Amino acid sequence: MRPEHCATRNHIEVWHDRVLPSGPERIGFWTVLRGSLLPVLVWTGVACFTYFVYNPVVTMVLGGLFALSFVAGFGLRRRARHSVRCSAYGALGGVLDKSMAGF
């Protein structure tokens, strides 16, 4: 994969496509977060709820599952010879996107 095509809309899918540029161009970290705003807010709410209602340990387990999913996504993208930047953005966007599949 050529480096100039790595961090494009084709490789980084986020929750809302309307925040992505119109063509295949590099996108920034804030664009990935802005496109994933709904999943970020939902997971922040879930973390706050579990922290106050159940136990901080439950929140740490959820955070660990999120981190494990991120590391797995990052590793798969690096194995497919994506750049580090593309792997990080794609793993973050992918975890947030796939975690909201049931909603």
Protein backbone atom coordinates (compact mmCIF):
# COMPACT_ATOMS: atom_id res chain seq x y z
CA MET A 1 0.00 0.00 0.00
CA ARG A 2 1.34 3.39 -0.92
CA PRO A 3 1.74 5.84 1.99
CA GLU A 4 -0.21 8.62 0.28
CA HIS A 5 -3.31 6.41 0.09
CA CYS A 6 -3.14 4.97 3.59
CA ALA A 7 -5.07 7.43 5.77
CA THR A 8 -8.03 7.92 3.43
CA ARG A 9 -11.75 7.56 3.73
CA ASN A 10 -11.45 4.11 2.15
CA HIS A 11 -9.57 2.77 5.16
CA ILE A 12 -11.08 4.74 8.02
CA GLU A 13 -14.81 4.36 8.41
CA VAL A 14 -16.38 6.40 11.20
CA TRP A 15 -19.90 6.58 12.54
CA HIS A 16 -21.11 9.58 10.51
CA ASP A 17 -19.88 9.77 6.94
CA ARG A 18 -20.91 13.41 6.58
CA VAL A 19 -17.89 14.60 8.57
CA LEU A 20 -15.50 12.97 6.12
CA PRO A 21 -14.01 14.93 3.23
CA SER A 22 -15.64 14.51 -0.16
CA GLY A 23 -12.72 12.66 -1.73
CA PRO A 24 -9.87 10.35 -0.77
CA GLU A 25 -7.64 12.63 1.27
CA ARG A 26 -5.89 12.49 4.60
CA ILE A 27 -8.09 13.09 7.60
CA GLY A 28 -7.07 14.15 11.08
CA PHE A 29 -7.61 12.67 14.49
CA TRP A 30 -10.29 15.20 15.39
CA THR A 31 -12.27 14.26 12.29
CA VAL A 32 -12.26 10.63 13.44
CA LEU A 33 -13.46 11.68 16.90
CA ARG A 34 -16.07 14.08 15.51
CA GLY A 35 -17.39 11.35 13.24
CA SER A 36 -17.53 9.01 16.22
CA LEU A 37 -19.21 11.47 18.57
CA LEU A 38 -22.32 9.35 19.20
CA PRO A 39 -20.38 6.19 20.20
CA VAL A 40 -18.01 8.25 22.36
CA LEU A 41 -20.95 9.82 24.21
CA VAL A 42 -22.72 6.47 24.62
CA TRP A 43 -19.63 4.74 25.98
CA THR A 44 -18.84 7.67 28.28
CA GLY A 45 -22.39 7.41 29.64
CA VAL A 46 -22.06 3.64 30.09
CA ALA A 47 -18.73 4.09 31.91
CA CYS A 48 -20.18 6.76 34.24
CA PHE A 49 -23.25 4.62 34.93
CA THR A 50 -21.23 1.51 35.78
CA TYR A 51 -18.80 3.53 37.90
CA PHE A 52 -21.48 5.05 40.11
CA VAL A 53 -24.10 2.28 40.14
CA TYR A 54 -22.00 -0.88 40.24
CA ASN A 55 -18.31 -0.62 40.98
CA PRO A 56 -15.21 1.05 39.52
CA VAL A 57 -13.90 -2.45 38.73
CA VAL A 58 -16.69 -2.95 36.20
CA THR A 59 -15.67 0.29 34.50
CA MET A 60 -12.05 -0.88 34.37
CA VAL A 61 -13.16 -4.16 32.77
CA LEU A 62 -15.09 -2.23 30.10
CA GLY A 63 -12.04 -0.04 29.51
CA GLY A 64 -9.88 -3.15 29.23
CA LEU A 65 -12.21 -4.65 26.63
CA PHE A 66 -12.10 -1.41 24.67
CA ALA A 67 -8.29 -1.34 24.86
CA LEU A 68 -8.05 -5.00 23.83
CA SER A 69 -10.28 -4.36 20.81
CA PHE A 70 -8.18 -1.32 19.87
CA VAL A 71 -4.92 -3.28 20.11
CA ALA A 72 -6.36 -6.13 18.02
CA GLY A 73 -7.58 -3.71 15.33
CA PHE A 74 -4.27 -1.87 15.33
CA GLY A 75 -2.34 -5.13 15.00
CA LEU A 76 -4.49 -6.36 12.12
CA ARG A 77 -4.03 -3.10 10.25
CA ARG A 78 -0.28 -3.08 10.81
CA ARG A 79 -0.12 -6.66 9.60
CA ALA A 80 -1.88 -5.52 6.42
CA ARG A 81 0.99 -3.01 5.99
CA HIS A 82 -0.91 0.15 6.82
CA SER A 83 1.02 3.05 8.30
CA VAL A 84 1.06 3.59 12.06
CA ARG A 85 -1.15 6.65 11.70
CA CYS A 86 -3.68 4.85 9.51
CA SER A 87 -3.64 1.87 11.87
CA ALA A 88 -4.31 4.02 14.93
CA TYR A 89 -7.10 6.05 13.33
CA GLY A 90 -8.66 3.00 11.71
CA ALA A 91 -8.53 0.97 14.93
CA LEU A 92 -10.17 3.77 16.93
CA GLY A 93 -12.86 4.39 14.33
CA GLY A 94 -13.42 0.67 13.87
CA VAL A 95 -13.82 -0.07 17.57
CA LEU A 96 -16.26 2.78 18.03
CA ASP A 97 -18.18 1.86 14.88
CA LYS A 98 -18.42 -1.86 15.60
CA SER A 99 -19.35 -1.31 19.24
CA MET A 100 -22.47 0.55 18.13
CA ALA A 101 -23.60 -2.10 15.64
CA GLY A 102 -26.49 -3.19 17.88
CA PHE A 103 -27.97 0.28 18.23
